[in-house]
Amino acid sequence: MRPEPLSEAAARRHELTRAKAVQALRELDRAGTPVTFAGVAQAAGISRSWLYTQSDISGQIRRLREKTDGAGRAGAIPAGQRATDASLRARLAAALHRNKHLADENARLRRQLARALGDQRSARPRSGNDSDR
């Protein structure tokens, strides 16, 4: 038995609306725009009330909204691209190690330069009229 054409059309319209909502959600997150029910509804051209009835989509909106700074504004980086605490700690440790290496190299080069300038100064012939600078 073939389903009614009206129920087929309703099912297609439902899936199209879901696809629009998911696409709008992804685009807002990718752009770093605040993810809210109103924002997703407006971007997708659908109603907010419909979004609330879709538990998976509304749950995703809530999760992304919780990752904002508390004032309803998303950070400049989309949630999917934000660094984890572990990766930030690793990057900090690497930066500190690199800074230590550069400070050691800088000290070595200063000592080398001081020796070279001292050798150059002592190799210069001196006359009685030259004053040390």
Protein backbone atom coordinates (compact mmCIF):
# COMPACT_ATOMS: atom_id res chain seq x y z
CA MET A 1 0.00 0.00 0.00
CA ARG A 2 1.36 3.41 -1.02
CA PRO A 3 1.41 6.25 1.54
CA GLU A 4 -0.76 9.25 0.88
CA PRO A 5 0.79 12.03 -1.20
CA LEU A 6 0.13 14.51 1.62
CA SER A 7 2.07 12.47 4.18
CA GLU A 8 4.92 12.02 1.69
CA ALA A 9 5.03 15.78 1.14
CA ALA A 10 4.93 16.41 4.89
CA ALA A 11 7.82 13.99 5.44
CA ARG A 12 9.87 15.68 2.69
CA ARG A 13 9.12 19.13 4.12
CA HIS A 14 10.13 17.92 7.61
CA GLU A 15 13.47 16.56 6.36
CA LEU A 16 14.13 19.70 4.33
CA THR A 17 13.46 21.86 7.40
CA ARG A 18 15.77 19.69 9.52
CA ALA A 19 18.50 19.97 6.88
CA LYS A 20 18.12 23.78 6.81
CA ALA A 21 18.34 23.95 10.61
CA VAL A 22 21.44 21.74 10.81
CA GLN A 23 23.13 23.68 8.00
CA ALA A 24 22.38 27.03 9.66
CA LEU A 25 23.66 25.71 13.00
CA ARG A 26 26.94 24.60 11.43
CA GLU A 27 27.41 27.84 9.54
CA LEU A 28 26.80 29.99 12.61
CA ASP A 29 29.24 27.92 14.65
CA ARG A 30 31.86 27.91 11.89
CA ALA A 31 31.58 31.70 11.55
CA GLY A 32 31.97 32.20 15.30
CA THR A 33 28.50 33.78 15.47
CA PRO A 34 26.50 33.25 18.66
CA VAL A 35 24.42 30.09 18.35
CA THR A 36 20.92 30.79 19.67
CA PHE A 37 17.47 29.48 18.87
CA ALA A 38 16.54 32.83 17.33
CA GLY A 39 19.75 32.98 15.29
CA VAL A 40 19.39 29.45 13.93
CA ALA A 41 15.71 29.99 13.15
CA GLN A 42 16.42 33.23 11.31
CA ALA A 43 19.39 31.83 9.38
CA ALA A 44 17.42 28.73 8.33
CA GLY A 45 14.18 30.58 7.63
CA ILE A 46 12.21 28.41 10.06
CA SER A 47 10.30 29.00 13.28
CA ARG A 48 11.85 28.98 16.71
CA SER A 49 8.97 26.94 18.09
CA TRP A 50 9.72 24.15 15.58
CA LEU A 51 13.37 24.10 16.74
CA TYR A 52 12.29 23.53 20.33
CA THR A 53 10.38 20.42 19.25
CA GLN A 54 13.48 18.81 17.76
CA SER A 55 15.33 17.40 20.76
CA ASP A 56 18.60 16.62 18.98
CA ILE A 57 18.88 20.02 17.28
CA SER A 58 17.76 21.96 20.37
CA GLY A 59 20.26 19.99 22.47
CA GLN A 60 23.05 20.91 20.09
CA ILE A 61 22.02 24.57 20.22
CA ARG A 62 22.07 24.47 24.03
CA ARG A 63 25.51 22.82 24.11
CA LEU A 64 26.98 25.40 21.76
CA ARG A 65 25.28 28.21 23.68
CA GLU A 66 26.86 26.95 26.93
CA LYS A 67 30.29 27.27 25.35
CA THR A 68 29.82 31.02 24.97
CA ASP A 69 31.27 33.47 27.45
CA GLY A 70 28.14 33.70 29.59
CA ALA A 71 26.94 36.95 28.04
CA GLY A 72 25.51 35.15 25.03
CA ARG A 73 28.43 36.02 22.78
CA ALA A 74 30.46 33.31 21.15
CA GLY A 75 34.21 33.59 21.14
CA ALA A 76 36.01 34.56 17.96
CA ILE A 77 36.79 30.90 17.34
CA PRO A 78 33.99 28.43 16.57
CA ALA A 79 33.38 25.83 19.27
CA GLY A 80 34.55 23.01 17.04
CA GLN A 81 37.91 24.71 16.52
CA ARG A 82 38.66 25.88 20.05
CA ALA A 83 41.73 24.47 21.75
CA THR A 84 41.39 22.08 24.67
CA ASP A 85 43.03 22.74 28.05
CA ALA A 86 45.50 19.91 27.42
CA SER A 87 46.59 21.30 24.05
CA LEU A 88 46.94 24.80 25.53
CA ARG A 89 49.13 23.42 28.33
CA ALA A 90 51.29 21.58 25.80
CA ARG A 91 51.64 24.71 23.67
CA LEU A 92 52.56 26.76 26.75
CA ALA A 93 55.20 24.20 27.80
CA ALA A 94 56.67 24.23 24.28
CA ALA A 95 56.73 28.04 24.24
CA LEU A 96 58.45 28.16 27.65
CA HIS A 97 61.04 25.63 26.48
CA ARG A 98 61.66 27.66 23.32
CA ASN A 99 61.99 30.88 25.36
CA LYS A 100 64.56 29.21 27.64
CA HIS A 101 66.52 28.02 24.60
CA LEU A 102 66.46 31.51 23.07
CA ALA A 103 67.54 33.14 26.36
CA ASP A 104 70.49 30.72 26.60
CA GLU A 105 71.45 31.39 22.98
CA ASN A 106 71.15 35.15 23.54
CA ALA A 107 73.48 34.96 26.56
CA ARG A 108 75.99 32.90 24.56
CA LEU A 109 75.95 35.41 21.69
CA ARG A 110 76.41 38.34 24.11
CA ARG A 111 79.46 36.66 25.60
CA GLN A 112 80.83 35.95 22.11
CA LEU A 113 80.26 39.58 21.06
CA ALA A 114 81.92 40.91 24.22
CA ARG A 115 84.98 38.73 23.56
CA ALA A 116 85.14 39.85 19.91
CA LEU A 117 84.86 43.53 20.86
CA GLY A 118 87.47 43.09 23.57
CA ASP A 119 89.85 41.39 21.11
CA GLN A 120 89.24 44.13 18.55
CA ARG A 121 89.85 46.87 21.12
CA SER A 122 93.08 45.30 22.36
CA ALA A 123 94.37 44.77 18.79
CA ARG A 124 94.02 48.47 17.92
CA PRO A 125 97.21 50.45 18.00
CA ARG A 126 97.08 53.15 20.61
CA SER A 127 98.49 56.58 20.37
CA GLY A 128 98.90 58.93 23.27
CA ASN A 129 96.13 61.21 21.99
CA ASP A 130 93.43 58.51 21.71
CA SER A 131 90.98 58.47 24.51
CA ASP A 132 89.01 55.41 25.48
CA ARG A 133 85.40 55.62 24.52
